């Protein structure tokens, strides 16, 4: 009979597939930059800066009774009822 070939399996540890995390210094810099934007720009401009390049997730659907509901539309509908102006500690908010 012929020789069987053993093929090696290339494995990667799960930590190598995880996104990289920020260092404490990078987190502090990001917080300071966010605070600067919040202090120097209007809420609309800041929101535009913080969400630049993001796209809404509209392909995720879930079942609501017998009908399918688009989660992006549901979020847009509920966002209308959020307060437009409120005080919160932006700097200590987790990212």
PDB file of N, CA and C in Angstrom:
ATOM      1  N   UNK A   1       0.835  -1.173   0.000  1.00  0.00           N
ATOM      2  CA  UNK A   1       0.000   0.000   0.000  1.00  0.00           C
ATOM      3  C   UNK A   1       0.884   1.241   0.000  1.00  0.00           C
ATOM      4  N   UNK A   2       0.309   2.383  -0.365  1.00  0.00           N
ATOM      5  CA  UNK A   2       1.070   3.620  -0.464  1.00  0.00           C
ATOM      6  C   UNK A   2       1.276   4.261   0.898  1.00  0.00           C
ATOM      7  N   UNK A   3       2.220   5.176   0.922  1.00  0.00           N
ATOM      8  CA  UNK A   3       2.492   5.896   2.160  1.00  0.00           C
ATOM      9  C   UNK A   3       1.404   6.939   2.407  1.00  0.00           C
ATOM     10  N   UNK A   4       0.993   7.055   3.646  1.00  0.00           N
ATOM     11  CA  UNK A   4       0.027   8.103   3.981  1.00  0.00           C
ATOM     12  C   UNK A   4       0.798   9.347   4.406  1.00  0.00           C
ATOM     13  N   UNK A   5       0.294  10.482   3.987  1.00  0.00           N
ATOM     14  CA  UNK A   5       0.949  11.732   4.344  1.00  0.00           C
ATOM     15  C   UNK A   5       0.222  12.348   5.526  1.00  0.00           C
ATOM     16  N   UNK A   6       0.997  12.789   6.469  1.00  0.00           N
ATOM     17  CA  UNK A   6       0.429  13.457   7.631  1.00  0.00           C
ATOM     18  C   UNK A   6       0.505  14.954   7.374  1.00  0.00           C
ATOM     19  N   UNK A   7      -0.656  15.589   7.416  1.00  0.00           N
ATOM     20  CA  UNK A   7      -0.693  17.031   7.200  1.00  0.00           C
ATOM     21  C   UNK A   7      -0.758  17.719   8.546  1.00  0.00           C
ATOM     22  N   UNK A   8       0.065  18.716   8.717  1.00  0.00           N
ATOM     23  CA  UNK A   8       0.064  19.472   9.961  1.00  0.00           C
ATOM     24  C   UNK A   8      -1.114  20.443  10.004  1.00  0.00           C
ATOM     25  N   UNK A   9      -1.663  20.594  11.172  1.00  0.00           N
ATOM     26  CA  UNK A   9      -2.756  21.540  11.360  1.00  0.00           C
ATOM     27  C   UNK A   9      -2.170  22.826  11.908  1.00  0.00           C
ATOM     28  N   UNK A  10      -2.429  23.902  11.196  1.00  0.00           N
ATOM     29  CA  UNK A  10      -1.958  25.191  11.686  1.00  0.00           C
ATOM     30  C   UNK A  10      -2.981  25.715  12.680  1.00  0.00           C
ATOM     31  N   UNK A  11      -2.544  25.901  13.879  1.00  0.00           N
ATOM     32  CA  UNK A  11      -3.443  26.378  14.921  1.00  0.00           C
ATOM     33  C   UNK A  11      -3.022  27.757  15.383  1.00  0.00           C
ATOM     34  N   UNK A  12      -4.014  28.474  15.833  1.00  0.00           N
ATOM     35  CA  UNK A  12      -3.786  29.812  16.344  1.00  0.00           C
ATOM     36  C   UNK A  12      -4.469  29.892  17.702  1.00  0.00           C
ATOM     37  N   UNK A  13      -3.781  30.455  18.659  1.00  0.00           N
ATOM     38  CA  UNK A  13      -4.419  30.603  19.957  1.00  0.00           C
ATOM     39  C   UNK A  13      -5.532  31.625  19.847  1.00  0.00           C
ATOM     40  N   UNK A  14      -6.534  31.490  20.699  1.00  0.00           N
ATOM     41  CA  UNK A  14      -7.684  32.388  20.624  1.00  0.00           C
ATOM     42  C   UNK A  14      -7.293  33.839  20.892  1.00  0.00           C
ATOM     43  N   UNK A  15      -6.265  34.045  21.689  1.00  0.00           N
ATOM     44  CA  UNK A  15      -5.846  35.416  22.000  1.00  0.00           C
ATOM     45  C   UNK A  15      -5.352  36.126  20.742  1.00  0.00           C
ATOM     46  N   UNK A  16      -4.828  35.377  19.783  1.00  0.00           N
ATOM     47  CA  UNK A  16      -4.335  35.975  18.549  1.00  0.00           C
ATOM     48  C   UNK A  16      -5.463  36.435  17.640  1.00  0.00           C
ATOM     49  N   UNK A  17      -6.656  35.904  17.831  1.00  0.00           N
ATOM     50  CA  UNK A  17      -7.789  36.309  17.002  1.00  0.00           C
ATOM     51  C   UNK A  17      -8.619  37.410  17.648  1.00  0.00           C
ATOM     52  N   UNK A  18      -8.329  37.723  18.893  1.00  0.00           N
ATOM     53  CA  UNK A  18      -9.065  38.778  19.599  1.00  0.00           C
ATOM     54  C   UNK A  18      -8.551  40.145  19.168  1.00  0.00           C
ATOM     55  N   UNK A  19      -9.433  41.143  19.164  1.00  0.00           N
ATOM     56  CA  UNK A  19      -8.949  42.493  18.854  1.00  0.00           C
ATOM     57  C   UNK A  19      -7.984  42.977  19.925  1.00  0.00           C
ATOM     58  N   UNK A  20      -7.042  43.804  19.517  1.00  0.00           N
ATOM     59  CA  UNK A  20      -6.077  44.331  20.479  1.00  0.00           C
ATOM     60  C   UNK A  20      -6.775  45.318  21.407  1.00  0.00           C
ATOM     61  N   UNK A  21      -6.341  45.357  22.640  1.00  0.00           N
ATOM     62  CA  UNK A  21      -6.915  46.298  23.600  1.00  0.00           C
ATOM     63  C   UNK A  21      -5.977  47.486  23.762  1.00  0.00           C
ATOM     64  N   UNK A  22      -6.532  48.570  24.250  1.00  0.00           N
ATOM     65  CA  UNK A  22      -5.746  49.781  24.444  1.00  0.00           C
ATOM     66  C   UNK A  22      -4.996  49.735  25.767  1.00  0.00           C
ATOM     67  N   UNK A  23      -3.864  50.391  25.796  1.00  0.00           N
ATOM     68  CA  UNK A  23      -3.113  50.519  27.043  1.00  0.00           C
ATOM     69  C   UNK A  23      -3.777  51.602  27.893  1.00  0.00           C
ATOM     70  N   UNK A  24      -3.385  51.692  29.149  1.00  0.00           N
ATOM     71  CA  UNK A  24      -3.913  52.732  30.038  1.00  0.00           C
ATOM     72  C   UNK A  24      -3.618  54.116  29.470  1.00  0.00           C
ATOM     73  N   UNK A  25      -2.412  54.314  28.943  1.00  0.00           N
ATOM     74  CA  UNK A  25      -2.050  55.613  28.360  1.00  0.00           C
ATOM     75  C   UNK A  25      -2.914  55.942  27.144  1.00  0.00           C
ATOM     76  N   UNK A  26      -3.189  54.946  26.306  1.00  0.00           N
ATOM     77  CA  UNK A  26      -4.040  55.173  25.146  1.00  0.00           C
ATOM     78  C   UNK A  26      -5.473  55.492  25.569  1.00  0.00           C
ATOM     79  N   UNK A  27      -5.974  54.800  26.597  1.00  0.00           N
ATOM     80  CA  UNK A  27      -7.312  55.091  27.113  1.00  0.00           C
ATOM     81  C   UNK A  27      -7.390  56.507  27.658  1.00  0.00           C
ATOM     82  N   UNK A  28      -6.377  56.906  28.414  1.00  0.00           N
ATOM     83  CA  UNK A  28      -6.357  58.252  28.979  1.00  0.00           C
ATOM     84  C   UNK A  28      -6.326  59.303  27.872  1.00  0.00           C
ATOM     85  N   UNK A  29      -5.517  59.068  26.845  1.00  0.00           N
ATOM     86  CA  UNK A  29      -5.453  59.994  25.718  1.00  0.00           C
ATOM     87  C   UNK A  29      -6.808  60.094  25.023  1.00  0.00           C
ATOM     88  N   UNK A  30      -7.475  58.954  24.815  1.00  0.00           N
ATOM     89  CA  UNK A  30      -8.792  58.947  24.165  1.00  0.00           C
ATOM     90  C   UNK A  30      -9.817  59.697  25.005  1.00  0.00           C
ATOM     91  N   UNK A  31      -9.768  59.520  26.323  1.00  0.00           N
ATOM     92  CA  UNK A  31     -10.692  60.242  27.209  1.00  0.00           C
ATOM     93  C   UNK A  31     -10.460  61.747  27.138  1.00  0.00           C
ATOM     94  N   UNK A  32      -9.192  62.147  27.151  1.00  0.00           N
ATOM     95  CA  UNK A  32      -8.869  63.572  27.081  1.00  0.00           C
ATOM     96  C   UNK A  32      -9.290  64.162  25.735  1.00  0.00           C
ATOM     97  N   UNK A  33      -9.088  63.414  24.661  1.00  0.00           N
ATOM     98  CA  UNK A  33      -9.495  63.883  23.333  1.00  0.00           C
ATOM     99  C   UNK A  33     -11.015  64.001  23.249  1.00  0.00           C
ATOM    100  N   UNK A  34     -11.725  63.028  23.809  1.00  0.00           N
ATOM    101  CA  UNK A  34     -13.193  63.074  23.807  1.00  0.00           C
ATOM    102  C   UNK A  34     -13.692  64.253  24.627  1.00  0.00           C
ATOM    103  N   UNK A  35     -13.078  64.498  25.766  1.00  0.00           N
ATOM    104  CA  UNK A  35     -13.471  65.629  26.603  1.00  0.00           C
ATOM    105  C   UNK A  35     -13.216  66.948  25.873  1.00  0.00           C
ATOM    106  N   UNK A  36     -12.099  67.047  25.170  1.00  0.00           N
ATOM    107  CA  UNK A  36     -11.792  68.251  24.396  1.00  0.00           C
ATOM    108  C   UNK A  36     -12.868  68.494  23.332  1.00  0.00           C
ATOM    109  N   UNK A  37     -13.246  67.433  22.626  1.00  0.00           N
ATOM    110  CA  UNK A  37     -14.284  67.563  21.601  1.00  0.00           C
ATOM    111  C   UNK A  37     -15.601  67.997  22.230  1.00  0.00           C
ATOM    112  N   UNK A  38     -15.965  67.394  23.362  1.00  0.00           N
ATOM    113  CA  UNK A  38     -17.225  67.740  24.021  1.00  0.00           C
ATOM    114  C   UNK A  38     -17.228  69.187  24.509  1.00  0.00           C
ATOM    115  N   UNK A  39     -16.067  69.696  24.911  1.00  0.00           N
ATOM    116  CA  UNK A  39     -15.981  71.066  25.424  1.00  0.00           C
ATOM    117  C   UNK A  39     -15.862  72.122  24.334  1.00  0.00           C
ATOM    118  N   UNK A  40     -15.434  71.735  23.144  1.00  0.00           N
ATOM    119  CA  UNK A  40     -15.181  72.724  22.099  1.00  0.00           C
ATOM    120  C   UNK A  40     -16.148  72.649  20.923  1.00  0.00           C
ATOM    121  N   UNK A  41     -16.996  71.651  20.891  1.00  0.00           N
ATOM    122  CA  UNK A  41     -17.921  71.479  19.764  1.00  0.00           C
ATOM    123  C   UNK A  41     -19.351  71.384  20.267  1.00  0.00           C
ATOM    124  N   UNK A  42     -20.290  71.620  19.372  1.00  0.00           N
ATOM    125  CA  UNK A  42     -21.702  71.443  19.723  1.00  0.00           C
ATOM    126  C   UNK A  42     -21.986  69.944  19.834  1.00  0.00           C
ATOM    127  N   UNK A  43     -23.107  69.604  20.437  1.00  0.00           N
ATOM    128  CA  UNK A  43     -23.465  68.185  20.581  1.00  0.00           C
ATOM    129  C   UNK A  43     -23.583  67.517  19.215  1.00  0.00           C
ATOM    130  N   UNK A  44     -24.139  68.223  18.236  1.00  0.00           N
ATOM    131  CA  UNK A  44     -24.305  67.656  16.900  1.00  0.00           C
ATOM    132  C   UNK A  44     -22.950  67.391  16.245  1.00  0.00           C
ATOM    133  N   UNK A  45     -22.025  68.361  16.370  1.00  0.00           N
ATOM    134  CA  UNK A  45     -20.690  68.180  15.796  1.00  0.00           C
ATOM    135  C   UNK A  45     -19.951  67.045  16.496  1.00  0.00           C
ATOM    136  N   UNK A  46     -20.050  66.983  17.818  1.00  0.00           N
ATOM    137  CA  UNK A  46     -19.378  65.923  18.572  1.00  0.00           C
ATOM    138  C   UNK A  46     -19.923  64.559  18.172  1.00  0.00           C
ATOM    139  N   UNK A  47     -21.231  64.447  18.055  1.00  0.00           N
ATOM    140  CA  UNK A  47     -21.838  63.179  17.649  1.00  0.00           C
ATOM    141  C   UNK A  47     -21.344  62.773  16.271  1.00  0.00           C
ATOM    142  N   UNK A  48     -21.242  63.744  15.379  1.00  0.00           N
ATOM    143  CA  UNK A  48     -20.746  63.468  14.038  1.00  0.00           C
ATOM    144  C   UNK A  48     -19.301  62.973  14.080  1.00  0.00           C
ATOM    145  N   UNK A  49     -18.479  63.591  14.911  1.00  0.00           N
ATOM    146  CA  UNK A  49     -17.075  63.186  15.043  1.00  0.00           C
ATOM    147  C   UNK A  49     -16.971  61.779  15.619  1.00  0.00           C
ATOM    148  N   UNK A  50     -17.725  61.507  16.679  1.00  0.00           N
ATOM    149  CA  UNK A  50     -17.628  60.211  17.352  1.00  0.00           C
ATOM    150  C   UNK A  50     -18.202  59.063  16.527  1.00  0.00           C
ATOM    151  N   UNK A  51     -19.108  59.361  15.624  1.00  0.00           N
ATOM    152  CA  UNK A  51     -19.738  58.292  14.843  1.00  0.00           C
ATOM    153  C   UNK A  51     -19.274  58.261  13.395  1.00  0.00           C
ATOM    154  N   UNK A  52     -18.288  59.084  13.054  1.00  0.00           N
ATOM    155  CA  UNK A  52     -17.781  59.120  11.680  1.00  0.00           C
ATOM    156  C   UNK A  52     -17.282  57.739  11.267  1.00  0.00           C
ATOM    157  N   UNK A  53     -17.723  57.297  10.114  1.00  0.00           N
ATOM    158  CA  UNK A  53     -17.286  56.009   9.588  1.00  0.00           C
ATOM    159  C   UNK A  53     -18.114  54.828  10.054  1.00  0.00           C
ATOM    160  N   UNK A  54     -18.970  55.020  11.049  1.00  0.00           N
ATOM    161  CA  UNK A  54     -19.817  53.925  11.513  1.00  0.00           C
ATOM    162  C   UNK A  54     -21.027  53.782  10.603  1.00  0.00           C
ATOM    163  N   UNK A  55     -21.477  52.566  10.439  1.00  0.00           N
ATOM    164  CA  UNK A  55     -22.678  52.316   9.657  1.00  0.00           C
ATOM    165  C   UNK A  55     -23.681  51.607  10.540  1.00  0.00           C
ATOM    166  N   UNK A  56     -24.958  51.960  10.422  1.00  0.00           N
ATOM    167  CA  UNK A  56     -25.958  51.292  11.254  1.00  0.00           C
ATOM    168  C   UNK A  56     -26.109  49.831  10.847  1.00  0.00           C
ATOM    169  N   UNK A  57     -26.374  48.995  11.826  1.00  0.00           N
ATOM    170  CA  UNK A  57     -26.604  47.578  11.569  1.00  0.00           C
ATOM    171  C   UNK A  57     -28.081  47.423  11.239  1.00  0.00           C
ATOM    172  N   UNK A  58     -28.361  47.191   9.981  1.00  0.00           N
ATOM    173  CA  UNK A  58     -29.750  47.084   9.544  1.00  0.00           C
ATOM    174  C   UNK A  58     -30.073  45.687   9.032  1.00  0.00           C
ATOM    175  N   UNK A  59     -29.097  44.818   8.975  1.00  0.00           N
ATOM    176  CA  UNK A  59     -29.347  43.486   8.443  1.00  0.00           C
ATOM    177  C   UNK A  59     -29.785  42.503   9.516  1.00  0.00           C
ATOM    178  N   UNK A  60     -29.726  42.913  10.768  1.00  0.00           N
ATOM    179  CA  UNK A  60     -30.108  42.026  11.860  1.00  0.00           C
ATOM    180  C   UNK A  60     -31.602  42.143  12.072  1.00  0.00           C
ATOM    181  N   UNK A  61     -32.282  41.035  11.972  1.00  0.00           N
ATOM    182  CA  UNK A  61     -33.725  41.013  12.164  1.00  0.00           C
ATOM    183  C   UNK A  61     -34.055  40.075  13.311  1.00  0.00           C
ATOM    184  N   UNK A  62     -35.117  40.384  14.030  1.00  0.00           N
ATOM    185  CA  UNK A  62     -35.582  39.447  15.044  1.00  0.00           C
ATOM    186  C   UNK A  62     -37.084  39.302  14.916  1.00  0.00           C
ATOM    187  N   UNK A  63     -37.587  38.225  15.409  1.00  0.00           N
ATOM    188  CA  UNK A  63     -38.998  37.931  15.280  1.00  0.00           C
ATOM    189  C   UNK A  63     -39.778  38.619  16.392  1.00  0.00           C
ATOM    190  N   UNK A  64     -40.807  39.337  16.011  1.00  0.00           N
ATOM    191  CA  UNK A  64     -41.689  40.010  16.956  1.00  0.00           C
ATOM    192  C   UNK A  64     -43.089  39.477  16.675  1.00  0.00           C
ATOM    193  N   UNK A  65     -43.481  38.438  17.394  1.00  0.00           N
ATOM    194  CA  UNK A  65     -44.756  37.791  17.091  1.00  0.00           C
ATOM    195  C   UNK A  65     -44.634  37.086  15.758  1.00  0.00           C
ATOM    196  N   UNK A  66     -45.507  37.420  14.825  1.00  0.00           N
ATOM    197  CA  UNK A  66     -45.478  36.811  13.497  1.00  0.00           C
ATOM    198  C   UNK A  66     -44.746  37.665  12.469  1.00  0.00           C
ATOM    199  N   UNK A  67     -44.355  38.866  12.843  1.00  0.00           N
ATOM    200  CA  UNK A  67     -43.713  39.748  11.869  1.00  0.00           C
ATOM    201  C   UNK A  67     -42.225  39.899  12.173  1.00  0.00           C
ATOM    202  N   UNK A  68     -41.482  40.261  11.163  1.00  0.00           N
ATOM    203  CA  UNK A  68     -40.058  40.516  11.334  1.00  0.00           C
ATOM    204  C   UNK A  68     -39.866  42.016  11.522  1.00  0.00           C
ATOM    205  N   UNK A  69     -39.005  42.403  12.456  1.00  0.00           N
ATOM    206  CA  UNK A  69     -38.780  43.820  12.730  1.00  0.00           C
ATOM    207  C   UNK A  69     -37.312  44.139  12.504  1.00  0.00           C
ATOM    208  N   UNK A  70     -37.032  45.245  11.863  1.00  0.00           N
ATOM    209  CA  UNK A  70     -35.672  45.693  11.617  1.00  0.00           C
ATOM    210  C   UNK A  70     -35.171  46.402  12.869  1.00  0.00           C
ATOM    211  N   UNK A  71     -34.072  45.929  13.453  1.00  0.00           N
ATOM    212  CA  UNK A  71     -33.558  46.509  14.691  1.00  0.00           C
ATOM    213  C   UNK A  71     -33.097  47.948  14.510  1.00  0.00           C
ATOM    214  N   UNK A  72     -32.574  48.291  13.341  1.00  0.00           N
ATOM    215  CA  UNK A  72     -32.158  49.665  13.089  1.00  0.00           C
ATOM    216  C   UNK A  72     -33.340  50.614  13.121  1.00  0.00           C
ATOM    217  N   UNK A  73     -34.437  50.210  12.521  1.00  0.00           N
ATOM    218  CA  UNK A  73     -35.645  51.041  12.540  1.00  0.00           C
ATOM    219  C   UNK A  73     -36.198  51.150  13.955  1.00  0.00           C
ATOM    220  N   UNK A  74     -36.136  50.048  14.703  1.00  0.00           N
ATOM    221  CA  UNK A  74     -36.613  50.069  16.089  1.00  0.00           C
ATOM    222  C   UNK A  74     -35.776  51.047  16.915  1.00  0.00           C
ATOM    223  N   UNK A  75     -34.454  51.034  16.722  1.00  0.00           N
ATOM    224  CA  UNK A  75     -33.582  51.959  17.443  1.00  0.00           C
ATOM    225  C   UNK A  75     -33.915  53.399  17.075  1.00  0.00           C
ATOM    226  N   UNK A  76     -34.072  53.666  15.765  1.00  0.00           N
ATOM    227  CA  UNK A  76     -34.405  55.024  15.324  1.00  0.00           C
ATOM    228  C   UNK A  76     -35.706  55.500  15.950  1.00  0.00           C
ATOM    229  N   UNK A  77     -36.685  54.612  16.029  1.00  0.00           N
ATOM    230  CA  UNK A  77     -37.984  54.973  16.591  1.00  0.00           C
ATOM    231  C   UNK A  77     -37.856  55.290  18.082  1.00  0.00           C
ATOM    232  N   UNK A  78     -37.095  54.483  18.823  1.00  0.00           N
ATOM    233  CA  UNK A  78     -36.939  54.700  20.262  1.00  0.00           C
ATOM    234  C   UNK A  78     -36.026  55.880  20.569  1.00  0.00           C
ATOM    235  N   UNK A  79     -35.101  56.202  19.666  1.00  0.00           N
ATOM    236  CA  UNK A  79     -34.177  57.316  19.886  1.00  0.00           C
ATOM    237  C   UNK A  79     -34.913  58.650  19.933  1.00  0.00           C
ATOM    238  N   UNK A  80     -36.087  58.709  19.335  1.00  0.00           N
ATOM    239  CA  UNK A  80     -36.869  59.946  19.356  1.00  0.00           C
ATOM    240  C   UNK A  80     -37.266  60.332  20.776  1.00  0.00           C
ATOM    241  N   UNK A  81     -37.351  59.346  21.661  1.00  0.00           N
ATOM    242  CA  UNK A  81     -37.824  59.596  23.020  1.00  0.00           C
ATOM    243  C   UNK A  81     -36.691  59.821  24.020  1.00  0.00           C
ATOM    244  N   UNK A  82     -35.446  59.772  23.558  1.00  0.00           N
ATOM    245  CA  UNK A  82     -34.312  60.006  24.448  1.00  0.00           C
ATOM    246  C   UNK A  82     -34.188  61.494  24.740  1.00  0.00           C
ATOM    247  N   UNK A  83     -33.773  61.852  25.950  1.00  0.00           N
ATOM    248  CA  UNK A  83     -33.595  63.277  26.247  1.00  0.00           C
ATOM    249  C   UNK A  83     -32.485  63.859  25.375  1.00  0.00           C
ATOM    250  N   UNK A  84     -32.688  65.071  24.906  1.00  0.00           N
ATOM    251  CA  UNK A  84     -31.689  65.688  24.028  1.00  0.00           C
ATOM    252  C   UNK A  84     -30.588  66.379  24.812  1.00  0.00           C
ATOM    253  N   UNK A  85     -30.873  66.745  26.046  1.00  0.00           N
ATOM    254  CA  UNK A  85     -29.875  67.444  26.842  1.00  0.00           C
ATOM    255  C   UNK A  85     -29.915  66.911  28.268  1.00  0.00           C
ATOM    256  N   UNK A  86     -28.827  66.355  28.707  1.00  0.00           N
ATOM    257  CA  UNK A  86     -28.735  65.882  30.077  1.00  0.00           C
ATOM    258  C   UNK A  86     -27.281  65.893  30.502  1.00  0.00           C
ATOM    259  N   UNK A  87     -27.081  65.904  31.796  1.00  0.00           N
ATOM    260  CA  UNK A  87     -25.730  65.981  32.331  1.00  0.00           C
ATOM    261  C   UNK A  87     -25.245  64.587  32.698  1.00  0.00           C
ATOM    262  N   UNK A  88     -24.036  64.270  32.291  1.00  0.00           N
ATOM    263  CA  UNK A  88     -23.418  63.013  32.689  1.00  0.00           C
ATOM    264  C   UNK A  88     -21.908  63.177  32.637  1.00  0.00           C
ATOM    265  N   UNK A  89     -21.231  62.314  33.335  1.00  0.00           N
ATOM    266  CA  UNK A  89     -19.777  62.369  33.390  1.00  0.00           C
ATOM    267  C   UNK A  89     -19.223  61.621  32.186  1.00  0.00           C
ATOM    268  N   UNK A  90     -18.909  62.331  31.138  1.00  0.00           N
ATOM    269  CA  UNK A  90     -18.435  61.732  29.900  1.00  0.00           C
ATOM    270  C   UNK A  90     -17.067  61.081  30.088  1.00  0.00           C
ATOM    271  N   UNK A  91     -16.204  61.717  30.865  1.00  0.00           N
ATOM    272  CA  UNK A  91     -14.823  61.257  30.984  1.00  0.00           C
ATOM    273  C   UNK A  91     -14.739  59.882  31.627  1.00  0.00           C
ATOM    274  N   UNK A  92     -15.587  59.597  32.603  1.00  0.00           N
ATOM    275  CA  UNK A  92     -15.482  58.307  33.280  1.00  0.00           C
ATOM    276  C   UNK A  92     -16.382  57.252  32.660  1.00  0.00           C
ATOM    277  N   UNK A  93     -17.098  57.596  31.576  1.00  0.00           N
ATOM    278  CA  UNK A  93     -17.953  56.608  30.928  1.00  0.00           C
ATOM    279  C   UNK A  93     -17.071  55.526  30.306  1.00  0.00           C
ATOM    280  N   UNK A  94     -17.439  54.270  30.473  1.00  0.00           N
ATOM    281  CA  UNK A  94     -16.626  53.194  29.892  1.00  0.00           C
ATOM    282  C   UNK A  94     -16.739  53.207  28.370  1.00  0.00           C
ATOM    283  N   UNK A  95     -15.687  52.768  27.723  1.00  0.00           N
ATOM    284  CA  UNK A  95     -15.684  52.715  26.265  1.00  0.00           C
ATOM    285  C   UNK A  95     -16.015  51.332  25.812  1.00  0.00           C
TER     286      UNK A  95
END
